[in-house]
Amino acid sequence: MAKGKKKDKQKLADPGAPIRIEPTRVAKPKVTFKEPRSSTPQVARAMTFGPDTYKWMGIGFALVMVGLFLMAGSRGDNFTEFNPEDIYSPVKITLAPAVILAGLGVVIYAILKK
């Protein structure tokens, strides 16, 4: 600390002395020139899945949507009244989840089929 204080006192003590300015170092960017991509030949890659796989995936997603539609059920006439026959119907409790699981199974089959 004492050295730093002496330097500060020297700067204040000699106001007429020329000020030494150190040059600032600036990093020079490395410039590399690449050839345009259009000049290189493009290699066509094969698709990840074939058309049959997309067909099976579409069928699976359609089954999931049908299951969700079955689970939604009817709207009902009176919104303030609880209707247990509509909510706990066998279509919503058993059939809709089974259709959704079947749709997910078809999608998994389509992905693993390759």
PDB file of N, CA and C in Angstrom:
ATOM      1  N   MET A   1       0.804  -1.193   0.000  1.00  0.00           N
ATOM      2  CA  MET A   1       0.000   0.000   0.000  1.00  0.00           C
ATOM      3  C   MET A   1       0.849   1.261   0.000  1.00  0.00           C
ATOM      4  N   ALA A   2       1.949   1.184   0.650  1.00  0.00           N
ATOM      5  CA  ALA A   2       2.803   2.365   0.750  1.00  0.00           C
ATOM      6  C   ALA A   2       3.326   2.778  -0.616  1.00  0.00           C
ATOM      7  N   LYS A   3       3.616   1.817  -1.469  1.00  0.00           N
ATOM      8  CA  LYS A   3       4.121   2.141  -2.801  1.00  0.00           C
ATOM      9  C   LYS A   3       3.056   2.868  -3.620  1.00  0.00           C
ATOM     10  N   GLY A   4       1.829   2.402  -3.502  1.00  0.00           N
ATOM     11  CA  GLY A   4       0.746   3.039  -4.238  1.00  0.00           C
ATOM     12  C   GLY A   4       0.526   4.476  -3.787  1.00  0.00           C
ATOM     13  N   LYS A   5       0.683   4.731  -2.497  1.00  0.00           N
ATOM     14  CA  LYS A   5       0.491   6.085  -1.981  1.00  0.00           C
ATOM     15  C   LYS A   5       1.603   6.999  -2.439  1.00  0.00           C
ATOM     16  N   LYS A   6       2.830   6.481  -2.508  1.00  0.00           N
ATOM     17  CA  LYS A   6       3.951   7.301  -2.969  1.00  0.00           C
ATOM     18  C   LYS A   6       3.763   7.709  -4.421  1.00  0.00           C
ATOM     19  N   LYS A   7       3.283   6.816  -5.235  1.00  0.00           N
ATOM     20  CA  LYS A   7       3.044   7.141  -6.647  1.00  0.00           C
ATOM     21  C   LYS A   7       1.985   8.218  -6.777  1.00  0.00           C
ATOM     22  N   ASP A   8       0.931   8.121  -5.972  1.00  0.00           N
ATOM     23  CA  ASP A   8      -0.115   9.129  -6.018  1.00  0.00           C
ATOM     24  C   ASP A   8       0.425  10.487  -5.592  1.00  0.00           C
ATOM     25  N   LYS A   9       1.294  10.498  -4.568  1.00  0.00           N
ATOM     26  CA  LYS A   9       1.867  11.766  -4.109  1.00  0.00           C
ATOM     27  C   LYS A   9       2.795  12.348  -5.158  1.00  0.00           C
ATOM     28  N   GLN A  10       3.536  11.489  -5.857  1.00  0.00           N
ATOM     29  CA  GLN A  10       4.434  11.978  -6.905  1.00  0.00           C
ATOM     30  C   GLN A  10       3.641  12.612  -8.040  1.00  0.00           C
ATOM     31  N   LYS A  11       2.531  12.023  -8.388  1.00  0.00           N
ATOM     32  CA  LYS A  11       1.703  12.584  -9.464  1.00  0.00           C
ATOM     33  C   LYS A  11       1.157  13.950  -9.058  1.00  0.00           C
ATOM     34  N   LEU A  12       0.761  14.070  -7.834  1.00  0.00           N
ATOM     35  CA  LEU A  12       0.222  15.343  -7.376  1.00  0.00           C
ATOM     36  C   LEU A  12       1.330  16.381  -7.170  1.00  0.00           C
ATOM     37  N   ALA A  13       2.486  15.914  -6.795  1.00  0.00           N
ATOM     38  CA  ALA A  13       3.579  16.837  -6.492  1.00  0.00           C
ATOM     39  C   ALA A  13       4.151  17.480  -7.741  1.00  0.00           C
ATOM     40  N   ASP A  14       4.146  16.810  -8.878  1.00  0.00           N
ATOM     41  CA  ASP A  14       4.775  17.327 -10.092  1.00  0.00           C
ATOM     42  C   ASP A  14       3.713  17.521 -11.182  1.00  0.00           C
ATOM     43  N   PRO A  15       2.941  18.607 -11.108  1.00  0.00           N
ATOM     44  CA  PRO A  15       1.883  18.791 -12.100  1.00  0.00           C
ATOM     45  C   PRO A  15       2.399  19.190 -13.480  1.00  0.00           C
ATOM     46  N   GLY A  16       3.604  19.686 -13.596  1.00  0.00           N
ATOM     47  CA  GLY A  16       4.118  20.111 -14.880  1.00  0.00           C
ATOM     48  C   GLY A  16       4.809  19.008 -15.659  1.00  0.00           C
ATOM     49  N   ALA A  17       4.968  17.858 -15.056  1.00  0.00           N
ATOM     50  CA  ALA A  17       5.645  16.755 -15.733  1.00  0.00           C
ATOM     51  C   ALA A  17       4.753  16.214 -16.840  1.00  0.00           C
ATOM     52  N   PRO A  18       5.395  15.776 -17.922  1.00  0.00           N
ATOM     53  CA  PRO A  18       4.569  15.227 -19.010  1.00  0.00           C
ATOM     54  C   PRO A  18       3.885  13.929 -18.564  1.00  0.00           C
ATOM     55  N   ILE A  19       2.692  13.777 -19.059  1.00  0.00           N
ATOM     56  CA  ILE A  19       1.901  12.596 -18.707  1.00  0.00           C
ATOM     57  C   ILE A  19       2.231  11.492 -19.691  1.00  0.00           C
ATOM     58  N   ARG A  20       2.547  10.368 -19.144  1.00  0.00           N
ATOM     59  CA  ARG A  20       2.890   9.236 -19.993  1.00  0.00           C
ATOM     60  C   ARG A  20       1.623   8.413 -20.244  1.00  0.00           C
ATOM     61  N   ILE A  21       1.248   8.308 -21.501  1.00  0.00           N
ATOM     62  CA  ILE A  21       0.057   7.541 -21.859  1.00  0.00           C
ATOM     63  C   ILE A  21       0.515   6.260 -22.530  1.00  0.00           C
ATOM     64  N   GLU A  22       0.112   5.157 -21.948  1.00  0.00           N
ATOM     65  CA  GLU A  22       0.471   3.869 -22.530  1.00  0.00           C
ATOM     66  C   GLU A  22      -0.492   3.538 -23.659  1.00  0.00           C
ATOM     67  N   PRO A  23       0.040   2.995 -24.743  1.00  0.00           N
ATOM     68  CA  PRO A  23      -0.860   2.654 -25.858  1.00  0.00           C
ATOM     69  C   PRO A  23      -1.808   1.525 -25.472  1.00  0.00           C
ATOM     70  N   THR A  24      -3.011   1.629 -25.958  1.00  0.00           N
ATOM     71  CA  THR A  24      -4.018   0.615 -25.672  1.00  0.00           C
ATOM     72  C   THR A  24      -3.843  -0.553 -26.624  1.00  0.00           C
ATOM     73  N   ARG A  25      -3.873  -1.720 -26.050  1.00  0.00           N
ATOM     74  CA  ARG A  25      -3.747  -2.916 -26.884  1.00  0.00           C
ATOM     75  C   ARG A  25      -5.125  -3.288 -27.432  1.00  0.00           C
ATOM     76  N   VAL A  26      -5.178  -3.511 -28.710  1.00  0.00           N
ATOM     77  CA  VAL A  26      -6.431  -3.886 -29.353  1.00  0.00           C
ATOM     78  C   VAL A  26      -6.226  -5.246 -30.004  1.00  0.00           C
ATOM     79  N   ALA A  27      -7.128  -6.159 -29.723  1.00  0.00           N
ATOM     80  CA  ALA A  27      -7.027  -7.486 -30.314  1.00  0.00           C
ATOM     81  C   ALA A  27      -7.401  -7.404 -31.784  1.00  0.00           C
ATOM     82  N   LYS A  28      -6.588  -8.003 -32.603  1.00  0.00           N
ATOM     83  CA  LYS A  28      -6.866  -8.015 -34.034  1.00  0.00           C
ATOM     84  C   LYS A  28      -7.708  -9.246 -34.350  1.00  0.00           C
ATOM     85  N   PRO A  29      -8.832  -9.049 -34.996  1.00  0.00           N
ATOM     86  CA  PRO A  29      -9.675 -10.213 -35.322  1.00  0.00           C
ATOM     87  C   PRO A  29      -9.021 -11.059 -36.401  1.00  0.00           C
ATOM     88  N   LYS A  30      -9.193 -12.359 -36.230  1.00  0.00           N
ATOM     89  CA  LYS A  30      -8.688 -13.284 -37.242  1.00  0.00           C
ATOM     90  C   LYS A  30      -9.740 -13.409 -38.332  1.00  0.00           C
ATOM     91  N   VAL A  31      -9.378 -13.056 -39.520  1.00  0.00           N
ATOM     92  CA  VAL A  31     -10.315 -13.085 -40.636  1.00  0.00           C
ATOM     93  C   VAL A  31      -9.982 -14.303 -41.484  1.00  0.00           C
ATOM     94  N   THR A  32     -10.977 -15.146 -41.637  1.00  0.00           N
ATOM     95  CA  THR A  32     -10.809 -16.310 -42.508  1.00  0.00           C
ATOM     96  C   THR A  32     -11.881 -16.244 -43.579  1.00  0.00           C
ATOM     97  N   PHE A  33     -11.508 -16.549 -44.756  1.00  0.00           N
ATOM     98  CA  PHE A  33     -12.445 -16.522 -45.866  1.00  0.00           C
ATOM     99  C   PHE A  33     -12.825 -17.944 -46.227  1.00  0.00           C
ATOM    100  N   LYS A  34     -14.118 -18.171 -46.277  1.00  0.00           N
ATOM    101  CA  LYS A  34     -14.627 -19.489 -46.639  1.00  0.00           C
ATOM    102  C   LYS A  34     -15.239 -19.415 -48.026  1.00  0.00           C
ATOM    103  N   GLU A  35     -15.202 -20.541 -48.684  1.00  0.00           N
ATOM    104  CA  GLU A  35     -15.839 -20.601 -49.994  1.00  0.00           C
ATOM    105  C   GLU A  35     -17.344 -20.640 -49.809  1.00  0.00           C
ATOM    106  N   PRO A  36     -18.092 -20.123 -50.745  1.00  0.00           N
ATOM    107  CA  PRO A  36     -19.554 -20.182 -50.625  1.00  0.00           C
ATOM    108  C   PRO A  36     -20.035 -21.626 -50.587  1.00  0.00           C
ATOM    109  N   ARG A  37     -21.096 -21.841 -49.858  1.00  0.00           N
ATOM    110  CA  ARG A  37     -21.630 -23.200 -49.715  1.00  0.00           C
ATOM    111  C   ARG A  37     -22.202 -23.743 -51.017  1.00  0.00           C
ATOM    112  N   SER A  38     -22.619 -22.869 -51.876  1.00  0.00           N
ATOM    113  CA  SER A  38     -23.256 -23.327 -53.108  1.00  0.00           C
ATOM    114  C   SER A  38     -22.269 -24.053 -54.014  1.00  0.00           C
ATOM    115  N   SER A  39     -20.985 -23.810 -53.838  1.00  0.00           N
ATOM    116  CA  SER A  39     -20.006 -24.451 -54.711  1.00  0.00           C
ATOM    117  C   SER A  39     -19.752 -25.902 -54.303  1.00  0.00           C
ATOM    118  N   THR A  40     -20.073 -26.253 -53.052  1.00  0.00           N
ATOM    119  CA  THR A  40     -19.858 -27.632 -52.617  1.00  0.00           C
ATOM    120  C   THR A  40     -21.057 -28.478 -53.031  1.00  0.00           C
ATOM    121  N   PRO A  41     -20.839 -29.712 -53.426  1.00  0.00           N
ATOM    122  CA  PRO A  41     -21.967 -30.563 -53.821  1.00  0.00           C
ATOM    123  C   PRO A  41     -22.799 -30.950 -52.604  1.00  0.00           C
ATOM    124  N   GLN A  42     -24.100 -30.944 -52.764  1.00  0.00           N
ATOM    125  CA  GLN A  42     -25.006 -31.282 -51.680  1.00  0.00           C
ATOM    126  C   GLN A  42     -25.357 -32.761 -51.764  1.00  0.00           C
ATOM    127  N   VAL A  43     -25.243 -33.432 -50.634  1.00  0.00           N
ATOM    128  CA  VAL A  43     -25.559 -34.847 -50.557  1.00  0.00           C
ATOM    129  C   VAL A  43     -26.961 -34.985 -49.983  1.00  0.00           C
ATOM    130  N   ALA A  44     -27.817 -35.699 -50.684  1.00  0.00           N
ATOM    131  CA  ALA A  44     -29.190 -35.893 -50.218  1.00  0.00           C
ATOM    132  C   ALA A  44     -29.202 -36.963 -49.135  1.00  0.00           C
ATOM    133  N   ARG A  45     -29.812 -36.625 -48.001  1.00  0.00           N
ATOM    134  CA  ARG A  45     -29.923 -37.589 -46.917  1.00  0.00           C
ATOM    135  C   ARG A  45     -31.253 -38.323 -47.025  1.00  0.00           C
ATOM    136  N   ALA A  46     -31.258 -39.546 -46.574  1.00  0.00           N
ATOM    137  CA  ALA A  46     -32.495 -40.310 -46.559  1.00  0.00           C
ATOM    138  C   ALA A  46     -33.377 -39.800 -45.419  1.00  0.00           C
ATOM    139  N   MET A  47     -34.681 -39.873 -45.617  1.00  0.00           N
ATOM    140  CA  MET A  47     -35.606 -39.432 -44.574  1.00  0.00           C
ATOM    141  C   MET A  47     -35.514 -40.371 -43.381  1.00  0.00           C
ATOM    142  N   THR A  48     -35.783 -39.832 -42.199  1.00  0.00           N
ATOM    143  CA  THR A  48     -35.700 -40.640 -40.984  1.00  0.00           C
ATOM    144  C   THR A  48     -36.762 -41.731 -40.988  1.00  0.00           C
ATOM    145  N   PHE A  49     -37.974 -41.379 -41.333  1.00  0.00           N
ATOM    146  CA  PHE A  49     -39.068 -42.336 -41.389  1.00  0.00           C
ATOM    147  C   PHE A  49     -39.584 -42.424 -42.818  1.00  0.00           C
ATOM    148  N   GLY A  50     -40.109 -43.581 -43.148  1.00  0.00           N
ATOM    149  CA  GLY A  50     -40.693 -43.781 -44.466  1.00  0.00           C
ATOM    150  C   GLY A  50     -42.156 -43.374 -44.487  1.00  0.00           C
ATOM    151  N   PRO A  51     -42.799 -43.466 -45.654  1.00  0.00           N
ATOM    152  CA  PRO A  51     -44.210 -43.069 -45.749  1.00  0.00           C
ATOM    153  C   PRO A  51     -45.134 -43.959 -44.920  1.00  0.00           C
ATOM    154  N   ASP A  52     -44.805 -45.247 -44.788  1.00  0.00           N
ATOM    155  CA  ASP A  52     -45.648 -46.135 -43.980  1.00  0.00           C
ATOM    156  C   ASP A  52     -45.636 -45.706 -42.511  1.00  0.00           C
ATOM    157  N   THR A  53     -44.484 -45.289 -42.042  1.00  0.00           N
ATOM    158  CA  THR A  53     -44.379 -44.860 -40.649  1.00  0.00           C
ATOM    159  C   THR A  53     -45.262 -43.640 -40.396  1.00  0.00           C
ATOM    160  N   TYR A  54     -45.241 -42.683 -41.326  1.00  0.00           N
ATOM    161  CA  TYR A  54     -46.075 -41.497 -41.147  1.00  0.00           C
ATOM    162  C   TYR A  54     -47.562 -41.853 -41.225  1.00  0.00           C
ATOM    163  N   LYS A  55     -47.901 -42.840 -42.035  1.00  0.00           N
ATOM    164  CA  LYS A  55     -49.295 -43.273 -42.115  1.00  0.00           C
ATOM    165  C   LYS A  55     -49.734 -43.853 -40.773  1.00  0.00           C
ATOM    166  N   TRP A  56     -48.902 -44.725 -40.176  1.00  0.00           N
ATOM    167  CA  TRP A  56     -49.244 -45.317 -38.885  1.00  0.00           C
ATOM    168  C   TRP A  56     -49.284 -44.267 -37.782  1.00  0.00           C
ATOM    169  N   MET A  57     -48.374 -43.296 -37.849  1.00  0.00           N
ATOM    170  CA  MET A  57     -48.393 -42.229 -36.844  1.00  0.00           C
ATOM    171  C   MET A  57     -49.661 -41.386 -36.971  1.00  0.00           C
ATOM    172  N   GLY A  58     -50.109 -41.113 -38.183  1.00  0.00           N
ATOM    173  CA  GLY A  58     -51.350 -40.374 -38.384  1.00  0.00           C
ATOM    174  C   GLY A  58     -52.553 -41.134 -37.844  1.00  0.00           C
ATOM    175  N   ILE A  59     -52.567 -42.453 -38.063  1.00  0.00           N
ATOM    176  CA  ILE A  59     -53.663 -43.272 -37.521  1.00  0.00           C
ATOM    177  C   ILE A  59     -53.653 -43.226 -35.993  1.00  0.00           C
ATOM    178  N   GLY A  60     -52.459 -43.306 -35.411  1.00  0.00           N
ATOM    179  CA  GLY A  60     -52.349 -43.261 -33.950  1.00  0.00           C
ATOM    180  C   GLY A  60     -52.811 -41.929 -33.383  1.00  0.00           C
ATOM    181  N   PHE A  61     -52.401 -40.829 -34.012  1.00  0.00           N
ATOM    182  CA  PHE A  61     -52.844 -39.516 -33.540  1.00  0.00           C
ATOM    183  C   PHE A  61     -54.347 -39.346 -33.716  1.00  0.00           C
ATOM    184  N   ALA A  62     -54.903 -39.891 -34.775  1.00  0.00           N
ATOM    185  CA  ALA A  62     -56.349 -39.820 -34.972  1.00  0.00           C
ATOM    186  C   ALA A  62     -57.079 -40.595 -33.869  1.00  0.00           C
ATOM    187  N   LEU A  63     -56.543 -41.749 -33.480  1.00  0.00           N
ATOM    188  CA  LEU A  63     -57.156 -42.511 -32.386  1.00  0.00           C
ATOM    189  C   LEU A  63     -57.090 -41.736 -31.071  1.00  0.00           C
ATOM    190  N   VAL A  64     -55.996 -41.065 -30.822  1.00  0.00           N
ATOM    191  CA  VAL A  64     -55.889 -40.261 -29.601  1.00  0.00           C
ATOM    192  C   VAL A  64     -56.931 -39.148 -29.622  1.00  0.00           C
ATOM    193  N   MET A  65     -57.108 -38.510 -30.754  1.00  0.00           N
ATOM    194  CA  MET A  65     -58.098 -37.431 -30.851  1.00  0.00           C
ATOM    195  C   MET A  65     -59.523 -37.953 -30.674  1.00  0.00           C
ATOM    196  N   VAL A  66     -59.810 -39.126 -31.223  1.00  0.00           N
ATOM    197  CA  VAL A  66     -61.144 -39.722 -31.044  1.00  0.00           C
ATOM    198  C   VAL A  66     -61.370 -40.044 -29.569  1.00  0.00           C
ATOM    199  N   GLY A  67     -60.348 -40.572 -28.904  1.00  0.00           N
ATOM    200  CA  GLY A  67     -60.473 -40.873 -27.476  1.00  0.00           C
ATOM    201  C   GLY A  67     -60.711 -39.621 -26.643  1.00  0.00           C
ATOM    202  N   LEU A  68     -60.022 -38.541 -26.965  1.00  0.00           N
ATOM    203  CA  LEU A  68     -60.255 -37.293 -26.245  1.00  0.00           C
ATOM    204  C   LEU A  68     -61.654 -36.744 -26.516  1.00  0.00           C
ATOM    205  N   PHE A  69     -62.136 -36.907 -27.746  1.00  0.00           N
ATOM    206  CA  PHE A  69     -63.490 -36.471 -28.076  1.00  0.00           C
ATOM    207  C   PHE A  69     -64.528 -37.291 -27.300  1.00  0.00           C
ATOM    208  N   LEU A  70     -64.281 -38.607 -27.186  1.00  0.00           N
ATOM    209  CA  LEU A  70     -65.208 -39.452 -26.421  1.00  0.00           C
ATOM    210  C   LEU A  70     -65.175 -39.089 -24.939  1.00  0.00           C
ATOM    211  N   MET A  71     -64.023 -38.719 -24.442  1.00  0.00           N
ATOM    212  CA  MET A  71     -63.909 -38.390 -23.030  1.00  0.00           C
ATOM    213  C   MET A  71     -64.586 -37.047 -22.711  1.00  0.00           C
ATOM    214  N   ALA A  72     -64.641 -36.153 -23.686  1.00  0.00           N
ATOM    215  CA  ALA A  72     -65.263 -34.857 -23.452  1.00  0.00           C
ATOM    216  C   ALA A  72     -66.754 -35.016 -23.210  1.00  0.00           C
ATOM    217  N   GLY A  73     -67.406 -35.861 -23.969  1.00  0.00           N
ATOM    218  CA  GLY A  73     -68.806 -36.161 -23.726  1.00  0.00           C
ATOM    219  C   GLY A  73     -69.750 -35.053 -24.158  1.00  0.00           C
ATOM    220  N   SER A  74     -70.931 -35.089 -23.560  1.00  0.00           N
ATOM    221  CA  SER A  74     -71.974 -34.147 -23.946  1.00  0.00           C
ATOM    222  C   SER A  74     -71.924 -32.901 -23.068  1.00  0.00           C
ATOM    223  N   ARG A  75     -72.627 -31.894 -23.523  1.00  0.00           N
ATOM    224  CA  ARG A  75     -72.617 -30.611 -22.842  1.00  0.00           C
ATOM    225  C   ARG A  75     -73.621 -30.583 -21.689  1.00  0.00           C
ATOM    226  N   GLY A  76     -74.741 -31.156 -21.866  1.00  0.00           N
ATOM    227  CA  GLY A  76     -75.768 -31.135 -20.829  1.00  0.00           C
ATOM    228  C   GLY A  76     -76.651 -29.891 -20.958  1.00  0.00           C
ATOM    229  N   ASP A  77     -77.823 -29.938 -20.292  1.00  0.00           N
ATOM    230  CA  ASP A  77     -78.768 -28.835 -20.381  1.00  0.00           C
ATOM    231  C   ASP A  77     -78.588 -27.822 -19.255  1.00  0.00           C
ATOM    232  N   ASN A  78     -78.391 -28.303 -18.045  1.00  0.00           N
ATOM    233  CA  ASN A  78     -78.292 -27.424 -16.886  1.00  0.00           C
ATOM    234  C   ASN A  78     -76.857 -27.474 -16.351  1.00  0.00           C
ATOM    235  N   PHE A  79     -76.181 -26.316 -16.331  1.00  0.00           N
ATOM    236  CA  PHE A  79     -74.780 -26.288 -15.915  1.00  0.00           C
ATOM    237  C   PHE A  79     -74.613 -26.303 -14.404  1.00  0.00           C
ATOM    238  N   THR A  80     -75.643 -25.955 -13.663  1.00  0.00           N
ATOM    239  CA  THR A  80     -75.533 -25.916 -12.205  1.00  0.00           C
ATOM    240  C   THR A  80     -75.851 -27.262 -11.574  1.00  0.00           C
ATOM    241  N   GLU A  81     -76.310 -28.224 -12.336  1.00  0.00           N
ATOM    242  CA  GLU A  81     -76.713 -29.513 -11.795  1.00  0.00           C
ATOM    243  C   GLU A  81     -75.648 -30.565 -12.086  1.00  0.00           C
ATOM    244  N   PHE A  82     -75.333 -31.378 -11.092  1.00  0.00           N
ATOM    245  CA  PHE A  82     -74.359 -32.460 -11.230  1.00  0.00           C
ATOM    246  C   PHE A  82     -75.083 -33.703 -11.731  1.00  0.00           C
ATOM    247  N   ASN A  83     -74.647 -34.223 -12.892  1.00  0.00           N
ATOM    248  CA  ASN A  83     -75.277 -35.391 -13.486  1.00  0.00           C
ATOM    249  C   ASN A  83     -74.275 -36.548 -13.454  1.00  0.00           C
ATOM    250  N   PRO A  84     -74.364 -37.433 -12.458  1.00  0.00           N
ATOM    251  CA  PRO A  84     -73.384 -38.522 -12.349  1.00  0.00           C
ATOM    252  C   PRO A  84     -73.496 -39.554 -13.477  1.00  0.00           C
ATOM    253  N   GLU A  85     -74.704 -39.715 -14.068  1.00  0.00           N
ATOM    254  CA  GLU A  85     -74.842 -40.681 -15.168  1.00  0.00           C
ATOM    255  C   GLU A  85     -74.044 -40.237 -16.388  1.00  0.00           C
ATOM    256  N   ASP A  86     -73.952 -38.935 -16.591  1.00  0.00           N
ATOM    257  CA  ASP A  86     -73.203 -38.435 -17.745  1.00  0.00           C
ATOM    258  C   ASP A  86     -71.699 -38.459 -17.472  1.00  0.00           C
ATOM    259  N   ILE A  87     -71.312 -38.077 -16.281  1.00  0.00           N
ATOM    260  CA  ILE A  87     -69.881 -38.000 -15.963  1.00  0.00           C
ATOM    261  C   ILE A  87     -69.276 -39.389 -15.804  1.00  0.00           C
ATOM    262  N   TYR A  88     -69.959 -40.283 -15.132  1.00  0.00           N
ATOM    263  CA  TYR A  88     -69.426 -41.619 -14.876  1.00  0.00           C
ATOM    264  C   TYR A  88     -69.961 -42.660 -15.850  1.00  0.00           C
ATOM    265  N   SER A  89     -70.206 -42.271 -17.068  1.00  0.00           N
ATOM    266  CA  SER A  89     -70.697 -43.224 -18.060  1.00  0.00           C
ATOM    267  C   SER A  89     -69.564 -44.167 -18.480  1.00  0.00           C
ATOM    268  N   PRO A  90     -69.899 -45.381 -18.923  1.00  0.00           N
ATOM    269  CA  PRO A  90     -68.863 -46.337 -19.328  1.00  0.00           C
ATOM    270  C   PRO A  90     -68.031 -45.856 -20.521  1.00  0.00           C
ATOM    271  N   VAL A  91     -68.609 -45.001 -21.341  1.00  0.00           N
ATOM    272  CA  VAL A  91     -67.848 -44.488 -22.487  1.00  0.00           C
ATOM    273  C   VAL A  91     -66.697 -43.618 -22.002  1.00  0.00           C
ATOM    274  N   LYS A  92     -66.963 -42.759 -21.018  1.00  0.00           N
ATOM    275  CA  LYS A  92     -65.922 -41.860 -20.519  1.00  0.00           C
ATOM    276  C   LYS A  92     -64.940 -42.570 -19.590  1.00  0.00           C
ATOM    277  N   ILE A  93     -65.395 -43.561 -18.873  1.00  0.00           N
ATOM    278  CA  ILE A  93     -64.550 -44.212 -17.880  1.00  0.00           C
ATOM    279  C   ILE A  93     -63.677 -45.302 -18.495  1.00  0.00           C
ATOM    280  N   THR A  94     -64.212 -46.094 -19.414  1.00  0.00           N
ATOM    281  CA  THR A  94     -63.445 -47.243 -19.925  1.00  0.00           C
ATOM    282  C   THR A  94     -63.084 -47.128 -21.404  1.00  0.00           C
ATOM    283  N   LEU A  95     -64.037 -46.769 -22.236  1.00  0.00           N
ATOM    284  CA  LEU A  95     -63.806 -46.792 -23.680  1.00  0.00           C
ATOM    285  C   LEU A  95     -62.834 -45.690 -24.120  1.00  0.00           C
ATOM    286  N   ALA A  96     -63.022 -44.462 -23.655  1.00  0.00           N
ATOM    287  CA  ALA A  96     -62.176 -43.350 -24.083  1.00  0.00           C
ATOM    288  C   ALA A  96     -60.707 -43.551 -23.685  1.00  0.00           C
ATOM    289  N   PRO A  97     -60.409 -43.920 -22.430  1.00  0.00           N
ATOM    290  CA  PRO A  97     -58.995 -44.172 -22.104  1.00  0.00           C
ATOM    291  C   PRO A  97     -58.397 -45.337 -22.886  1.00  0.00           C
ATOM    292  N   ALA A  98     -59.202 -46.348 -23.185  1.00  0.00           N
ATOM    293  CA  ALA A  98     -58.695 -47.482 -23.963  1.00  0.00           C
ATOM    294  C   ALA A  98     -58.357 -47.054 -25.385  1.00  0.00           C
ATOM    295  N   VAL A  99     -59.185 -46.199 -25.970  1.00  0.00           N
ATOM    296  CA  VAL A  99     -58.919 -45.708 -27.328  1.00  0.00           C
ATOM    297  C   VAL A  99     -57.671 -44.827 -27.337  1.00  0.00           C
ATOM    298  N   ILE A 100     -57.488 -43.995 -26.308  1.00  0.00           N
ATOM    299  CA  ILE A 100     -56.294 -43.148 -26.228  1.00  0.00           C
ATOM    300  C   ILE A 100     -55.042 -44.001 -26.090  1.00  0.00           C
ATOM    301  N   LEU A 101     -55.083 -45.004 -25.219  1.00  0.00           N
ATOM    302  CA  LEU A 101     -53.919 -45.891 -25.056  1.00  0.00           C
ATOM    303  C   LEU A 101     -53.639 -46.682 -26.329  1.00  0.00           C
ATOM    304  N   ALA A 102     -54.680 -47.078 -27.040  1.00  0.00           N
ATOM    305  CA  ALA A 102     -54.477 -47.775 -28.315  1.00  0.00           C
ATOM    306  C   ALA A 102     -53.805 -46.846 -29.324  1.00  0.00           C
ATOM    307  N   GLY A 103     -54.221 -45.585 -29.357  1.00  0.00           N
ATOM    308  CA  GLY A 103     -53.592 -44.617 -30.259  1.00  0.00           C
ATOM    309  C   GLY A 103     -52.126 -44.405 -29.921  1.00  0.00           C
ATOM    310  N   LEU A 104     -51.812 -44.288 -28.643  1.00  0.00           N
ATOM    311  CA  LEU A 104     -50.410 -44.141 -28.241  1.00  0.00           C
ATOM    312  C   LEU A 104     -49.607 -45.394 -28.575  1.00  0.00           C
ATOM    313  N   GLY A 105     -50.236 -46.550 -28.428  1.00  0.00           N
ATOM    314  CA  GLY A 105     -49.564 -47.795 -28.807  1.00  0.00           C
ATOM    315  C   GLY A 105     -49.270 -47.858 -30.295  1.00  0.00           C
ATOM    316  N   VAL A 106     -50.193 -47.386 -31.106  1.00  0.00           N
ATOM    317  CA  VAL A 106     -49.979 -47.373 -32.558  1.00  0.00           C
ATOM    318  C   VAL A 106     -48.839 -46.412 -32.912  1.00  0.00           C
ATOM    319  N   VAL A 107     -48.774 -45.259 -32.249  1.00  0.00           N
ATOM    320  CA  VAL A 107     -47.687 -44.315 -32.517  1.00  0.00           C
ATOM    321  C   VAL A 107     -46.350 -44.911 -32.120  1.00  0.00           C
ATOM    322  N   ILE A 108     -46.286 -45.552 -30.974  1.00  0.00           N
ATOM    323  CA  ILE A 108     -45.031 -46.201 -30.533  1.00  0.00           C
ATOM    324  C   ILE A 108     -44.651 -47.307 -31.495  1.00  0.00           C
ATOM    325  N   TYR A 109     -45.621 -48.084 -31.949  1.00  0.00           N
ATOM    326  CA  TYR A 109     -45.347 -49.127 -32.937  1.00  0.00           C
ATOM    327  C   TYR A 109     -44.775 -48.522 -34.216  1.00  0.00           C
ATOM    328  N   ALA A 110     -45.346 -47.417 -34.655  1.00  0.00           N
ATOM    329  CA  ALA A 110     -44.882 -46.780 -35.895  1.00  0.00           C
ATOM    330  C   ALA A 110     -43.443 -46.297 -35.756  1.00  0.00           C
ATOM    331  N   ILE A 111     -43.089 -45.756 -34.598  1.00  0.00           N
ATOM    332  CA  ILE A 111     -41.732 -45.261 -34.403  1.00  0.00           C
ATOM    333  C   ILE A 111     -40.736 -46.409 -34.315  1.00  0.00           C
ATOM    334  N   LEU A 112     -41.104 -47.465 -33.618  1.00  0.00           N
ATOM    335  CA  LEU A 112     -40.189 -48.588 -33.424  1.00  0.00           C
ATOM    336  C   LEU A 112     -40.181 -49.560 -34.603  1.00  0.00           C
ATOM    337  N   LYS A 113     -41.111 -49.404 -35.531  1.00  0.00           N
ATOM    338  CA  LYS A 113     -41.235 -50.321 -36.667  1.00  0.00           C
ATOM    339  C   LYS A 113     -40.002 -50.292 -37.546  1.00  0.00           C
ATOM    340  N   LYS A 114     -39.364 -49.143 -37.646  1.00  0.00           N
ATOM    341  CA  LYS A 114     -38.210 -48.990 -38.530  1.00  0.00           C
ATOM    342  C   LYS A 114     -37.122 -49.929 -38.107  1.00  0.00           C
TER     343      LYS A 114
END
